[in-house]
């Protein structure tokens, strides 16, 4: 090369390509984790909302049940 720089070695190109692959994998994995967390959060909130609107059922302890018969 006329300006004194060299072309990158094969090993350097391989490392750079692997680095880009790793970055892409990290981004995709993070996106999946975020999507799953969002779905679980929505499901949990829906479950809480559904249980909050359920009619109140009086709880009877085993001793109370025993004496009510």
PDB file of N, CA and C in Angstrom:
ATOM      1  N   UNK A   1       0.843  -1.173   0.000  1.00  0.00           N
ATOM      2  CA  UNK A   1       0.000   0.000   0.000  1.00  0.00           C
ATOM      3  C   UNK A   1       0.893   1.243   0.000  1.00  0.00           C
ATOM      4  N   UNK A   2       0.511   2.235  -0.716  1.00  0.00           N
ATOM      5  CA  UNK A   2       1.346   3.411  -0.880  1.00  0.00           C
ATOM      6  C   UNK A   2       1.382   4.291   0.366  1.00  0.00           C
ATOM      7  N   UNK A   3       0.292   4.291   1.158  1.00  0.00           N
ATOM      8  CA  UNK A   3       0.263   5.179   2.317  1.00  0.00           C
ATOM      9  C   UNK A   3       0.816   4.529   3.589  1.00  0.00           C
ATOM     10  N   UNK A   4       1.355   3.343   3.513  1.00  0.00           N
ATOM     11  CA  UNK A   4       1.975   2.687   4.657  1.00  0.00           C
ATOM     12  C   UNK A   4       1.025   1.843   5.488  1.00  0.00           C
ATOM     13  N   UNK A   5      -0.261   1.796   5.148  1.00  0.00           N
ATOM     14  CA  UNK A   5      -1.192   0.951   5.896  1.00  0.00           C
ATOM     15  C   UNK A   5      -1.266  -0.413   5.241  1.00  0.00           C
ATOM     16  N   UNK A   6      -1.588  -1.384   6.058  1.00  0.00           N
ATOM     17  CA  UNK A   6      -1.706  -2.740   5.533  1.00  0.00           C
ATOM     18  C   UNK A   6      -3.172  -3.158   5.542  1.00  0.00           C
ATOM     19  N   UNK A   7      -3.484  -4.076   4.663  1.00  0.00           N
ATOM     20  CA  UNK A   7      -4.825  -4.650   4.670  1.00  0.00           C
ATOM     21  C   UNK A   7      -4.951  -5.509   5.937  1.00  0.00           C
ATOM     22  N   UNK A   8      -6.133  -5.545   6.539  1.00  0.00           N
ATOM     23  CA  UNK A   8      -6.290  -6.351   7.756  1.00  0.00           C
ATOM     24  C   UNK A   8      -6.057  -7.829   7.463  1.00  0.00           C
ATOM     25  N   UNK A   9      -5.492  -8.503   8.439  1.00  0.00           N
ATOM     26  CA  UNK A   9      -5.208  -9.928   8.267  1.00  0.00           C
ATOM     27  C   UNK A   9      -6.521 -10.712   8.260  1.00  0.00           C
ATOM     28  N   UNK A  10      -6.399 -11.944   7.816  1.00  0.00           N
ATOM     29  CA  UNK A  10      -7.573 -12.820   7.799  1.00  0.00           C
ATOM     30  C   UNK A  10      -8.109 -12.993   9.214  1.00  0.00           C
ATOM     31  N   UNK A  11      -7.208 -13.167  10.165  1.00  0.00           N
ATOM     32  CA  UNK A  11      -7.630 -13.341  11.567  1.00  0.00           C
ATOM     33  C   UNK A  11      -8.368 -12.093  12.082  1.00  0.00           C
ATOM     34  N   UNK A  12      -7.892 -10.916  11.734  1.00  0.00           N
ATOM     35  CA  UNK A  12      -8.549  -9.686  12.165  1.00  0.00           C
ATOM     36  C   UNK A  12      -9.935  -9.574  11.544  1.00  0.00           C
ATOM     37  N   UNK A  13     -10.063  -9.942  10.280  1.00  0.00           N
ATOM     38  CA  UNK A  13     -11.380  -9.904   9.629  1.00  0.00           C
ATOM     39  C   UNK A  13     -12.331 -10.894  10.286  1.00  0.00           C
ATOM     40  N   UNK A  14     -11.819 -12.081  10.637  1.00  0.00           N
ATOM     41  CA  UNK A  14     -12.659 -13.089  11.292  1.00  0.00           C
ATOM     42  C   UNK A  14     -13.127 -12.605  12.662  1.00  0.00           C
ATOM     43  N   UNK A  15     -12.209 -11.995  13.403  1.00  0.00           N
ATOM     44  CA  UNK A  15     -12.564 -11.487  14.731  1.00  0.00           C
ATOM     45  C   UNK A  15     -13.607 -10.380  14.623  1.00  0.00           C
ATOM     46  N   UNK A  16     -13.438  -9.496  13.647  1.00  0.00           N
ATOM     47  CA  UNK A  16     -14.394  -8.405  13.460  1.00  0.00           C
ATOM     48  C   UNK A  16     -15.762  -8.962  13.084  1.00  0.00           C
ATOM     49  N   UNK A  17     -15.791  -9.949  12.195  1.00  0.00           N
ATOM     50  CA  UNK A  17     -17.063 -10.557  11.793  1.00  0.00           C
ATOM     51  C   UNK A  17     -17.725 -11.254  12.982  1.00  0.00           C
ATOM     52  N   UNK A  18     -16.934 -11.958  13.801  1.00  0.00           N
ATOM     53  CA  UNK A  18     -17.495 -12.634  14.976  1.00  0.00           C
ATOM     54  C   UNK A  18     -18.035 -11.611  15.976  1.00  0.00           C
ATOM     55  N   UNK A  19     -17.331 -10.514  16.118  1.00  0.00           N
ATOM     56  CA  UNK A  19     -17.775  -9.455  17.024  1.00  0.00           C
ATOM     57  C   UNK A  19     -19.131  -8.907  16.593  1.00  0.00           C
ATOM     58  N   UNK A  20     -19.305  -8.675  15.299  1.00  0.00           N
ATOM     59  CA  UNK A  20     -20.580  -8.184  14.786  1.00  0.00           C
ATOM     60  C   UNK A  20     -21.687  -9.217  15.006  1.00  0.00           C
ATOM     61  N   UNK A  21     -21.367 -10.486  14.805  1.00  0.00           N
ATOM     62  CA  UNK A  21     -22.341 -11.550  15.043  1.00  0.00           C
ATOM     63  C   UNK A  21     -22.749 -11.580  16.506  1.00  0.00           C
ATOM     64  N   UNK A  22     -21.780 -11.449  17.389  1.00  0.00           N
ATOM     65  CA  UNK A  22     -22.067 -11.457  18.826  1.00  0.00           C
ATOM     66  C   UNK A  22     -22.948 -10.272  19.223  1.00  0.00           C
ATOM     67  N   UNK A  23     -22.651  -9.099  18.669  1.00  0.00           N
ATOM     68  CA  UNK A  23     -23.473  -7.922  18.984  1.00  0.00           C
ATOM     69  C   UNK A  23     -24.914  -8.142  18.532  1.00  0.00           C
ATOM     70  N   UNK A  24     -25.087  -8.689  17.334  1.00  0.00           N
ATOM     71  CA  UNK A  24     -26.428  -8.933  16.806  1.00  0.00           C
ATOM     72  C   UNK A  24     -27.164  -9.937  17.692  1.00  0.00           C
ATOM     73  N   UNK A  25     -26.463 -10.983  18.137  1.00  0.00           N
ATOM     74  CA  UNK A  25     -27.071 -11.988  19.008  1.00  0.00           C
ATOM     75  C   UNK A  25     -27.510 -11.373  20.333  1.00  0.00           C
ATOM     76  N   UNK A  26     -26.697 -10.507  20.886  1.00  0.00           N
ATOM     77  CA  UNK A  26     -27.037  -9.844  22.146  1.00  0.00           C
ATOM     78  C   UNK A  26     -28.280  -8.976  21.974  1.00  0.00           C
ATOM     79  N   UNK A  27     -28.345  -8.230  20.892  1.00  0.00           N
ATOM     80  CA  UNK A  27     -29.502  -7.363  20.642  1.00  0.00           C
ATOM     81  C   UNK A  27     -30.761  -8.204  20.473  1.00  0.00           C
ATOM     82  N   UNK A  28     -30.688  -9.290  19.703  1.00  0.00           N
ATOM     83  CA  UNK A  28     -31.857 -10.139  19.480  1.00  0.00           C
ATOM     84  C   UNK A  28     -32.295 -10.815  20.771  1.00  0.00           C
ATOM     85  N   UNK A  29     -31.344 -11.295  21.564  1.00  0.00           N
ATOM     86  CA  UNK A  29     -31.676 -11.947  22.833  1.00  0.00           C
ATOM     87  C   UNK A  29     -32.334 -10.959  23.785  1.00  0.00           C
ATOM     88  N   UNK A  30     -31.801  -9.752  23.846  1.00  0.00           N
ATOM     89  CA  UNK A  30     -32.382  -8.724  24.709  1.00  0.00           C
ATOM     90  C   UNK A  30     -33.806  -8.396  24.275  1.00  0.00           C
ATOM     91  N   UNK A  31     -34.039  -8.345  22.981  1.00  0.00           N
ATOM     92  CA  UNK A  31     -35.386  -8.068  22.480  1.00  0.00           C
ATOM     93  C   UNK A  31     -36.360  -9.173  22.890  1.00  0.00           C
ATOM     94  N   UNK A  32     -35.934 -10.426  22.776  1.00  0.00           N
ATOM     95  CA  UNK A  32     -36.796 -11.549  23.175  1.00  0.00           C
ATOM     96  C   UNK A  32     -37.090 -11.502  24.671  1.00  0.00           C
ATOM     97  N   UNK A  33     -36.072 -11.243  25.476  1.00  0.00           N
ATOM     98  CA  UNK A  33     -36.267 -11.174  26.929  1.00  0.00           C
ATOM     99  C   UNK A  33     -37.243 -10.052  27.280  1.00  0.00           C
ATOM    100  N   UNK A  34     -37.112  -8.921  26.606  1.00  0.00           N
ATOM    101  CA  UNK A  34     -38.011  -7.796  26.855  1.00  0.00           C
ATOM    102  C   UNK A  34     -39.442  -8.151  26.475  1.00  0.00           C
ATOM    103  N   UNK A  35     -39.613  -8.827  25.351  1.00  0.00           N
ATOM    104  CA  UNK A  35     -40.958  -9.210  24.902  1.00  0.00           C
ATOM    105  C   UNK A  35     -41.595 -10.195  25.875  1.00  0.00           C
ATOM    106  N   UNK A  36     -40.830 -11.170  26.335  1.00  0.00           N
ATOM    107  CA  UNK A  36     -41.365 -12.155  27.285  1.00  0.00           C
ATOM    108  C   UNK A  36     -41.714 -11.478  28.608  1.00  0.00           C
ATOM    109  N   UNK A  37     -40.845 -10.599  29.072  1.00  0.00           N
ATOM    110  CA  UNK A  37     -41.120  -9.884  30.330  1.00  0.00           C
ATOM    111  C   UNK A  37     -42.386  -9.039  30.212  1.00  0.00           C
ATOM    112  N   UNK A  38     -42.578  -8.395  29.069  1.00  0.00           N
ATOM    113  CA  UNK A  38     -43.778  -7.580  28.863  1.00  0.00           C
ATOM    114  C   UNK A  38     -45.026  -8.463  28.870  1.00  0.00           C
ATOM    115  N   UNK A  39     -44.952  -9.614  28.213  1.00  0.00           N
ATOM    116  CA  UNK A  39     -46.104 -10.520  28.178  1.00  0.00           C
ATOM    117  C   UNK A  39     -46.430 -11.033  29.579  1.00  0.00           C
ATOM    118  N   UNK A  40     -45.415 -11.382  30.345  1.00  0.00           N
ATOM    119  CA  UNK A  40     -45.653 -11.852  31.711  1.00  0.00           C
ATOM    120  C   UNK A  40     -46.244 -10.746  32.578  1.00  0.00           C
ATOM    121  N   UNK A  41     -45.778  -9.540  32.389  1.00  0.00           N
ATOM    122  CA  UNK A  41     -46.298  -8.407  33.159  1.00  0.00           C
ATOM    123  C   UNK A  41     -47.770  -8.172  32.835  1.00  0.00           C
ATOM    124  N   UNK A  42     -48.111  -8.199  31.566  1.00  0.00           N
ATOM    125  CA  UNK A  42     -49.511  -8.003  31.159  1.00  0.00           C
ATOM    126  C   UNK A  42     -50.374  -9.129  31.730  1.00  0.00           C
ATOM    127  N   UNK A  43     -49.888 -10.356  31.657  1.00  0.00           N
ATOM    128  CA  UNK A  43     -50.639 -11.490  32.203  1.00  0.00           C
ATOM    129  C   UNK A  43     -50.833 -11.373  33.703  1.00  0.00           C
ATOM    130  N   UNK A  44     -49.800 -10.980  34.409  1.00  0.00           N
ATOM    131  CA  UNK A  44     -49.887 -10.816  35.856  1.00  0.00           C
ATOM    132  C   UNK A  44     -50.879  -9.712  36.214  1.00  0.00           C
ATOM    133  N   UNK A  45     -50.793  -8.592  35.509  1.00  0.00           N
ATOM    134  CA  UNK A  45     -51.727  -7.498  35.778  1.00  0.00           C
ATOM    135  C   UNK A  45     -53.166  -7.912  35.477  1.00  0.00           C
ATOM    136  N   UNK A  46     -53.369  -8.687  34.420  1.00  0.00           N
ATOM    137  CA  UNK A  46     -54.717  -9.160  34.096  1.00  0.00           C
ATOM    138  C   UNK A  46     -55.219 -10.104  35.184  1.00  0.00           C
ATOM    139  N   UNK A  47     -54.349 -10.953  35.677  1.00  0.00           N
ATOM    140  CA  UNK A  47     -54.740 -11.864  36.757  1.00  0.00           C
ATOM    141  C   UNK A  47     -55.096 -11.116  38.024  1.00  0.00           C
ATOM    142  N   UNK A  48     -54.318 -10.113  38.348  1.00  0.00           N
ATOM    143  CA  UNK A  48     -54.613  -9.311  39.542  1.00  0.00           C
ATOM    144  C   UNK A  48     -55.932  -8.569  39.374  1.00  0.00           C
ATOM    145  N   UNK A  49     -56.148  -8.003  38.198  1.00  0.00           N
ATOM    146  CA  UNK A  49     -57.389  -7.269  37.948  1.00  0.00           C
ATOM    147  C   UNK A  49     -58.589  -8.213  38.023  1.00  0.00           C
ATOM    148  N   UNK A  50     -58.459  -9.421  37.498  1.00  0.00           N
ATOM    149  CA  UNK A  50     -59.562 -10.377  37.523  1.00  0.00           C
ATOM    150  C   UNK A  50     -59.862 -10.820  38.950  1.00  0.00           C
ATOM    151  N   UNK A  51     -58.832 -11.029  39.744  1.00  0.00           N
ATOM    152  CA  UNK A  51     -59.070 -11.481  41.112  1.00  0.00           C
ATOM    153  C   UNK A  51     -59.613 -10.348  41.973  1.00  0.00           C
ATOM    154  N   UNK A  52     -59.300  -9.116  41.610  1.00  0.00           N
ATOM    155  CA  UNK A  52     -59.791  -7.980  42.392  1.00  0.00           C
ATOM    156  C   UNK A  52     -61.284  -7.766  42.189  1.00  0.00           C
ATOM    157  N   UNK A  53     -61.818  -8.198  41.050  1.00  0.00           N
ATOM    158  CA  UNK A  53     -63.240  -7.991  40.780  1.00  0.00           C
ATOM    159  C   UNK A  53     -64.057  -9.227  41.118  1.00  0.00           C
ATOM    160  N   UNK A  54     -63.430 -10.297  41.597  1.00  0.00           N
ATOM    161  CA  UNK A  54     -64.167 -11.511  41.950  1.00  0.00           C
ATOM    162  C   UNK A  54     -65.045 -11.234  43.168  1.00  0.00           C
ATOM    163  N   UNK A  55     -66.218 -11.864  43.223  1.00  0.00           N
ATOM    164  CA  UNK A  55     -67.086 -11.637  44.377  1.00  0.00           C
ATOM    165  C   UNK A  55     -66.423 -12.172  45.649  1.00  0.00           C
ATOM    166  N   UNK A  56     -66.682 -11.478  46.748  1.00  0.00           N
ATOM    167  CA  UNK A  56     -66.116 -11.923  48.017  1.00  0.00           C
ATOM    168  C   UNK A  56     -66.833 -13.185  48.484  1.00  0.00           C
ATOM    169  N   UNK A  57     -66.052 -14.187  48.778  1.00  0.00           N
ATOM    170  CA  UNK A  57     -66.597 -15.444  49.275  1.00  0.00           C
ATOM    171  C   UNK A  57     -66.154 -15.574  50.722  1.00  0.00           C
ATOM    172  N   UNK A  58     -67.094 -15.723  51.629  1.00  0.00           N
ATOM    173  CA  UNK A  58     -66.673 -15.841  53.018  1.00  0.00           C
ATOM    174  C   UNK A  58     -65.846 -17.109  53.227  1.00  0.00           C
ATOM    175  N   UNK A  59     -64.784 -16.951  53.940  1.00  0.00           N
ATOM    176  CA  UNK A  59     -63.917 -18.081  54.220  1.00  0.00           C
ATOM    177  C   UNK A  59     -64.381 -18.756  55.495  1.00  0.00           C
ATOM    178  N   UNK A  60     -64.406 -20.059  55.476  1.00  0.00           N
ATOM    179  CA  UNK A  60     -64.832 -20.817  56.647  1.00  0.00           C
ATOM    180  C   UNK A  60     -63.666 -21.688  57.080  1.00  0.00           C
ATOM    181  N   UNK A  61     -63.300 -21.570  58.333  1.00  0.00           N
ATOM    182  CA  UNK A  61     -62.217 -22.406  58.856  1.00  0.00           C
ATOM    183  C   UNK A  61     -62.756 -23.802  59.131  1.00  0.00           C
ATOM    184  N   UNK A  62     -61.897 -24.808  59.197  1.00  0.00           N
ATOM    185  CA  UNK A  62     -62.371 -26.178  59.481  1.00  0.00           C
ATOM    186  C   UNK A  62     -63.165 -26.271  60.791  1.00  0.00           C
ATOM    187  N   UNK A  63     -62.789 -25.511  61.796  1.00  0.00           N
ATOM    188  CA  UNK A  63     -63.512 -25.572  63.074  1.00  0.00           C
ATOM    189  C   UNK A  63     -64.906 -24.982  62.909  1.00  0.00           C
ATOM    190  N   UNK A  64     -65.020 -23.863  62.212  1.00  0.00           N
ATOM    191  CA  UNK A  64     -66.337 -23.263  61.976  1.00  0.00           C
ATOM    192  C   UNK A  64     -67.221 -24.224  61.176  1.00  0.00           C
ATOM    193  N   UNK A  65     -66.644 -24.892  60.195  1.00  0.00           N
ATOM    194  CA  UNK A  65     -67.394 -25.833  59.374  1.00  0.00           C
ATOM    195  C   UNK A  65     -67.887 -27.006  60.225  1.00  0.00           C
ATOM    196  N   UNK A  66     -67.053 -27.463  61.127  1.00  0.00           N
ATOM    197  CA  UNK A  66     -67.380 -28.596  61.970  1.00  0.00           C
ATOM    198  C   UNK A  66     -68.602 -28.284  62.850  1.00  0.00           C
ATOM    199  N   UNK A  67     -68.681 -27.064  63.366  1.00  0.00           N
ATOM    200  CA  UNK A  67     -69.784 -26.706  64.269  1.00  0.00           C
ATOM    201  C   UNK A  67     -71.018 -26.201  63.533  1.00  0.00           C
ATOM    202  N   UNK A  68     -70.925 -25.998  62.222  1.00  0.00           N
ATOM    203  CA  UNK A  68     -72.080 -25.508  61.492  1.00  0.00           C
ATOM    204  C   UNK A  68     -72.951 -26.650  60.981  1.00  0.00           C
ATOM    205  N   UNK A  69     -72.505 -27.876  61.100  1.00  0.00           N
ATOM    206  CA  UNK A  69     -73.289 -29.008  60.587  1.00  0.00           C
ATOM    207  C   UNK A  69     -74.209 -29.588  61.605  1.00  0.00           C
TER     208      UNK A  69
END
